[in-house]
């Protein structure tokens, strides 16, 4: 069953909870800003992402308070001084990030409250966070105020003018995802840690053209064993196995032993081959897994 909700017929607080729990994980940044009097503000945002590489544009959105409809200090500051440093948040500073989200009075420096280090920027007035793995000095090119109601977002379009990267998060002069040790915002008080077993790779079909799930034999598409993810990975192959590959898999020692063990029960044999193919897929050998599945088709 599906529960259908009209966003116009529930409380803003409830809608907020649904949106932020469903649309996750979200990357987190510190936005450091400054007002015309030189007061520094540091606030974390998960209403944040990259939206263009040419020109390089980041957007964050300081929403109006759902309680009293007030504007965030970051929003007020960029209207006064249209510059910001977008500092990426990773696991080593996630607790300090959370502390800095406290609704301190205007003029309070969250760098000091959160125990973070200010470091002077080179092209913009706001300082950057020394502990951040990556910082983007930005000019604010546009502010889009979506509404004047509680919870309304305000899109701050930021053009990247200079990038600072901590060399500890690089390998061979490239950003290293595992070293970055990023975190993501979930719903409520929950976060996710992009590290260890939570990281996985999927081949990107950029320069290749996968055959698609629809090109797989029916018994494979409708397998009781294979998942949608399994089928998606198989559909990313550029071609079905060749006769040479199928001949080779037919003589594979593991398949030969399996056939000997199961005997003449074709249905059981095919099911075990699907389990075997799934294991091989999880090991990352898509071509071999497809060959095992085609071998099952030819029994």
Protein backbone atom coordinates (compact mmCIF):
# COMPACT_ATOMS: atom_id res chain seq x y z
CA UNK A 1 0.00 0.00 0.00
CA UNK A 2 1.04 3.59 -0.59
CA UNK A 3 0.21 6.52 1.68
CA UNK A 4 -0.45 9.67 -0.37
CA UNK A 5 -0.02 13.08 1.27
CA UNK A 6 -1.03 16.51 0.04
CA UNK A 7 1.76 18.87 1.24
CA UNK A 8 -0.80 21.67 1.51
CA UNK A 9 -2.84 19.74 4.08
CA UNK A 10 -0.23 18.89 6.72
CA UNK A 11 1.66 21.04 9.19
CA UNK A 12 4.94 22.62 8.01
CA UNK A 13 6.80 20.75 10.75
CA UNK A 14 5.47 17.39 9.53
CA UNK A 15 6.23 18.23 5.90
CA UNK A 16 9.74 19.29 6.92
CA UNK A 17 10.28 15.91 8.58
CA UNK A 18 9.11 13.95 5.55
CA UNK A 19 11.23 15.92 3.08
CA UNK A 20 14.43 15.80 5.11
CA UNK A 21 14.09 12.12 6.00
CA UNK A 22 13.25 11.01 2.46
CA UNK A 23 15.73 13.23 0.61
CA UNK A 24 18.93 11.96 2.19
CA UNK A 25 21.80 11.64 2.69
CA UNK A 26 22.63 15.27 2.01
CA UNK A 27 26.15 16.72 1.95
CA UNK A 28 26.95 19.22 4.68
CA UNK A 29 28.87 22.46 4.49
CA UNK A 30 29.90 25.23 6.84
CA UNK A 31 29.07 28.61 5.30
CA UNK A 32 31.29 31.31 6.75
CA UNK A 33 30.01 34.85 6.18
CA UNK A 34 30.64 38.35 7.48
CA UNK A 35 28.45 41.42 8.00
CA UNK A 36 29.25 45.05 7.27
CA UNK A 37 30.58 45.51 10.82
CA UNK A 38 33.07 42.68 10.42
CA UNK A 39 31.19 40.16 12.59
CA UNK A 40 31.91 36.61 11.46
CA UNK A 41 29.20 33.91 11.31
CA UNK A 42 29.68 30.20 10.75
CA UNK A 43 26.61 28.02 10.10
CA UNK A 44 26.18 24.44 8.81
CA UNK A 45 23.80 23.63 5.98
CA UNK A 46 22.58 20.38 4.47
CA UNK A 47 20.42 22.35 2.05
CA UNK A 48 23.59 22.40 -0.03
CA UNK A 49 25.11 20.98 -3.21
CA UNK A 50 27.09 21.66 -6.38
CA UNK A 51 25.02 22.62 -9.42
CA UNK A 52 27.51 23.50 -12.16
CA UNK A 53 31.18 23.06 -12.98
CA UNK A 54 31.40 25.67 -15.75
CA UNK A 55 30.83 28.14 -14.26
CA UNK A 56 31.57 26.49 -10.88
CA UNK A 57 28.41 27.12 -8.86
CA UNK A 58 27.54 25.90 -5.35
CA UNK A 59 24.18 26.61 -3.72
CA UNK A 60 23.17 26.58 -0.08
CA UNK A 61 19.83 27.57 1.37
CA UNK A 62 19.38 29.21 4.78
CA UNK A 63 15.70 28.59 5.43
CA UNK A 64 13.41 30.81 7.47
CA UNK A 65 12.78 29.53 10.97
CA UNK A 66 9.83 27.14 11.17
CA UNK A 67 9.09 28.47 14.65
CA UNK A 68 9.16 32.27 14.33
CA UNK A 69 9.86 32.90 10.60
CA UNK A 70 13.12 34.76 11.32
CA UNK A 71 15.98 34.86 8.79
CA UNK A 72 19.29 33.16 9.46
CA UNK A 73 22.30 35.36 10.06
CA UNK A 74 24.04 33.78 7.04
CA UNK A 75 21.20 35.04 4.82
CA UNK A 76 21.38 38.53 6.30
CA UNK A 77 25.17 38.61 5.97
CA UNK A 78 25.39 37.67 2.29
CA UNK A 79 22.86 40.41 1.51
CA UNK A 80 25.20 42.89 3.21
CA UNK A 81 28.51 41.40 2.00
CA UNK A 82 27.92 39.11 -1.02
CA UNK A 83 30.77 36.72 -0.31
CA UNK A 84 30.99 33.33 1.43
CA UNK A 85 33.36 30.48 2.06
CA UNK A 86 31.82 27.04 1.62
CA UNK A 87 33.74 24.66 3.88
CA UNK A 88 33.14 20.92 3.50
CA UNK A 89 32.27 19.00 6.67
CA UNK A 90 33.79 15.57 7.29
CA UNK A 91 33.69 13.11 10.18
CA UNK A 92 36.55 14.56 12.27
CA UNK A 93 34.60 17.83 12.71
CA UNK A 94 31.00 16.58 12.64
CA UNK A 95 30.36 17.18 16.36
CA UNK A 96 31.75 20.71 16.11
CA UNK A 97 29.51 21.23 13.09
CA UNK A 98 26.49 20.19 15.13
CA UNK A 99 27.44 22.53 17.98
CA UNK A 100 27.77 25.46 15.57
CA UNK A 101 24.15 24.98 14.46
CA UNK A 102 23.02 26.39 17.82
CA UNK A 103 20.90 29.53 17.36
CA UNK A 104 23.35 31.95 18.94
CA UNK A 105 22.61 35.69 18.98
CA UNK A 106 23.74 37.81 16.03
CA UNK A 107 27.37 38.84 16.47
CA UNK A 108 28.40 35.62 18.25
CA UNK A 109 31.30 33.97 16.44
CA UNK A 110 30.52 30.25 15.98
CA UNK A 111 34.17 29.57 15.16
CA UNK A 112 34.94 30.32 18.81
CA UNK A 113 31.88 28.52 20.18
CA UNK A 114 32.67 25.35 18.17
CA UNK A 115 36.41 25.45 18.79
CA UNK A 116 37.28 25.80 15.11
CA UNK A 117 40.16 27.79 13.63
CA UNK A 118 39.69 30.86 11.46
CA UNK A 119 42.14 31.24 8.59
CA UNK A 120 42.18 34.25 6.31
CA UNK A 121 40.80 33.87 2.81
CA UNK A 122 42.67 35.21 -0.21
CA UNK A 123 39.91 36.57 -2.46
CA UNK A 124 36.94 37.13 -0.14
CA UNK A 125 36.41 38.74 3.26
CA UNK A 126 34.91 35.83 5.26
CA UNK A 127 37.48 33.48 6.82
CA UNK A 128 37.64 29.79 6.06
CA UNK A 129 37.66 26.81 8.43
CA UNK A 130 41.23 25.56 8.83
CA UNK A 131 40.03 22.07 9.85
CA UNK A 132 37.84 21.59 6.74
CA UNK A 133 39.26 19.16 4.15
CA UNK A 134 38.13 21.43 1.29
CA UNK A 135 37.11 25.09 1.25
CA UNK A 136 35.67 27.16 -1.61
CA UNK A 137 36.04 30.92 -1.58
CA UNK A 138 32.95 32.23 -3.38
CA UNK A 139 31.29 35.39 -4.58
CA UNK A 140 27.50 35.45 -4.19
CA UNK A 141 25.99 36.02 -7.61
CA UNK A 142 22.29 35.78 -6.78
CA UNK A 143 19.90 35.32 -3.86
CA UNK A 144 16.55 33.71 -4.64
CA UNK A 145 14.04 34.09 -1.82
CA UNK A 146 11.44 31.38 -2.39
CA UNK A 147 8.75 32.72 -0.04
CA UNK A 148 8.25 34.72 3.16
CA UNK A 149 6.61 31.90 5.12
CA UNK A 150 8.05 29.72 7.94
CA UNK A 151 10.38 27.07 6.54
CA UNK A 152 10.85 28.85 3.20
CA UNK A 153 14.27 28.44 1.63
CA UNK A 154 16.52 31.14 0.25
CA UNK A 155 18.85 29.95 -2.48
CA UNK A 156 22.30 31.51 -2.27
CA UNK A 157 24.11 31.05 -5.61
CA UNK A 158 27.86 31.00 -5.03
CA UNK A 159 30.47 31.24 -7.77
CA UNK A 160 33.71 29.51 -6.79
CA UNK A 161 36.65 31.90 -7.02
CA UNK A 162 39.35 29.85 -5.25
CA UNK A 163 39.65 26.30 -3.89
CA UNK A 164 41.74 25.14 -0.93
CA UNK A 165 42.36 21.39 -0.44
CA UNK A 166 44.12 19.77 2.49
CA UNK A 167 46.79 17.58 0.91
CA UNK A 168 46.09 14.88 3.53
CA UNK A 169 42.89 14.01 1.63
CA UNK A 170 44.65 13.60 -1.72
CA UNK A 171 46.25 10.64 -3.50
CA UNK A 172 48.35 11.17 -6.63
CA UNK A 173 47.29 14.83 -6.66
CA UNK A 174 43.58 13.88 -6.77
CA UNK A 175 40.89 14.09 -4.09
CA UNK A 176 40.56 10.66 -2.46
CA UNK A 177 37.00 9.73 -1.43
CA UNK A 178 38.17 7.35 1.30
CA UNK A 179 40.52 9.92 2.80
CA UNK A 180 37.88 12.65 2.67
CA UNK A 181 35.86 10.69 5.26
CA UNK A 182 32.67 12.64 4.54
CA UNK A 183 29.38 12.63 6.42
CA UNK A 184 25.81 13.06 5.23
CA UNK A 185 22.72 14.47 6.90
CA UNK A 186 19.74 12.19 7.36
CA UNK A 187 16.36 12.91 9.00
CA UNK A 188 15.96 14.01 12.61
CA UNK A 189 19.22 13.67 14.55
CA UNK A 190 20.63 11.01 12.21
CA UNK A 191 23.77 11.19 10.07
CA UNK A 192 25.62 8.76 7.83
CA UNK A 193 29.37 8.20 7.59
CA UNK A 194 30.78 7.75 4.05
CA UNK A 195 33.58 5.46 5.10
CA UNK A 196 34.65 1.81 5.08
CA UNK A 197 32.02 -0.72 4.01
CA UNK A 198 29.45 2.03 3.35
CA UNK A 199 31.45 3.04 0.26
CA UNK A 200 30.96 1.11 -2.97
CA UNK A 201 31.70 1.64 -6.65
CA UNK A 202 29.41 1.29 -9.67
CA UNK A 203 30.81 1.43 -13.21
CA UNK A 204 29.54 4.62 -14.84
CA UNK A 205 28.03 4.18 -18.33
CA UNK A 206 29.56 7.36 -19.73
CA UNK A 207 31.68 6.23 -22.67
CA UNK A 208 29.95 2.85 -23.01
CA UNK A 209 26.40 1.88 -23.87
CA UNK A 210 24.99 -0.96 -21.80
CA UNK A 211 22.73 -3.53 -23.43
CA UNK A 212 20.01 -2.77 -20.86
CA UNK A 213 17.94 -5.08 -18.68
CA UNK A 214 15.49 -5.54 -21.54
CA UNK A 215 18.21 -7.31 -23.55
CA UNK A 216 18.69 -10.00 -20.90
CA UNK A 217 17.01 -13.38 -21.44
CA UNK A 218 13.58 -13.65 -19.82
CA UNK A 219 14.63 -16.24 -17.23
CA UNK A 220 17.37 -13.90 -16.04
CA UNK A 221 15.08 -10.83 -15.94
CA UNK A 222 12.49 -12.78 -13.94
CA UNK A 223 14.95 -14.61 -11.69
CA UNK A 224 13.78 -15.31 -8.14
CA UNK A 225 17.39 -14.92 -6.98
CA UNK A 226 18.72 -11.84 -8.72
CA UNK A 227 17.83 -8.39 -7.37
CA UNK A 228 17.10 -5.20 -9.28
CA UNK A 229 20.63 -4.05 -8.50
CA UNK A 230 22.00 -7.31 -9.92
CA UNK A 231 20.02 -6.84 -13.12
CA UNK A 232 21.13 -3.22 -13.38
CA UNK A 233 24.77 -4.25 -13.19
CA UNK A 234 24.25 -6.96 -15.84
CA UNK A 235 22.43 -4.50 -18.10
CA UNK A 236 25.48 -2.23 -17.97
CA UNK A 237 27.49 -4.79 -19.97
CA UNK A 238 28.16 -3.75 -23.56
CA UNK A 239 27.43 -7.23 -24.96
CA UNK A 240 26.33 -10.72 -24.01
CA UNK A 241 29.12 -13.30 -23.60
CA UNK A 242 30.76 -14.68 -26.72
CA UNK A 243 30.76 -18.37 -27.63
CA UNK A 244 34.39 -18.54 -26.54
CA UNK A 245 33.50 -17.16 -23.10
CA UNK A 246 30.57 -19.56 -22.77
CA UNK A 247 32.74 -22.53 -23.74
CA UNK A 248 35.29 -21.48 -21.12
CA UNK A 249 32.69 -21.14 -18.35
CA UNK A 250 31.20 -24.54 -19.22
CA UNK A 251 34.56 -26.08 -18.32
CA UNK A 252 34.98 -24.05 -15.13
CA UNK A 253 35.87 -26.35 -12.24
CA UNK A 254 33.34 -24.82 -9.84
CA UNK A 255 30.50 -25.25 -12.35
CA UNK A 256 31.58 -28.80 -13.15
CA UNK A 257 31.57 -29.75 -9.47
CA UNK A 258 28.17 -28.10 -9.01
CA UNK A 259 26.68 -30.07 -11.91
CA UNK A 260 28.08 -33.29 -10.49
CA UNK A 261 26.64 -32.53 -7.04
CA UNK A 262 23.12 -31.57 -8.19
CA UNK A 263 22.67 -34.24 -10.81
CA UNK A 264 19.88 -34.17 -13.39
CA UNK A 265 17.51 -31.72 -11.66
CA UNK A 266 17.58 -28.89 -14.22
CA UNK A 267 15.50 -26.44 -12.15
CA UNK A 268 17.68 -26.90 -9.07
CA UNK A 269 20.81 -26.60 -11.21
CA UNK A 270 19.67 -23.31 -12.74
CA UNK A 271 18.73 -21.90 -9.33
CA UNK A 272 22.17 -22.74 -7.93
CA UNK A 273 23.80 -21.14 -10.95
CA UNK A 274 21.82 -17.96 -10.30
CA UNK A 275 23.05 -17.97 -6.69
CA UNK A 276 26.59 -18.50 -7.94
CA UNK A 277 26.24 -15.66 -10.47
CA UNK A 278 24.95 -13.36 -7.75
CA UNK A 279 28.00 -14.11 -5.60
CA UNK A 280 30.31 -13.47 -8.56
CA UNK A 281 28.52 -10.17 -9.22
CA UNK A 282 29.10 -9.11 -5.62
CA UNK A 283 32.78 -9.93 -6.11
CA UNK A 284 32.81 -7.49 -9.03
CA UNK A 285 33.18 -9.84 -12.01
CA UNK A 286 30.15 -8.93 -14.09
CA UNK A 287 31.34 -10.62 -17.30
CA UNK A 288 31.85 -13.97 -15.60
CA UNK A 289 28.52 -13.70 -13.78
CA UNK A 290 26.75 -13.11 -17.09
CA UNK A 291 28.51 -16.12 -18.60
CA UNK A 292 27.33 -18.28 -15.68
CA UNK A 293 23.77 -17.10 -16.20
CA UNK A 294 23.90 -17.77 -19.95
CA UNK A 295 25.31 -21.22 -19.18
CA UNK A 296 22.21 -21.79 -17.01
CA UNK A 297 20.06 -20.74 -19.97
CA UNK A 298 21.72 -23.36 -22.17
CA UNK A 299 21.17 -26.33 -19.84
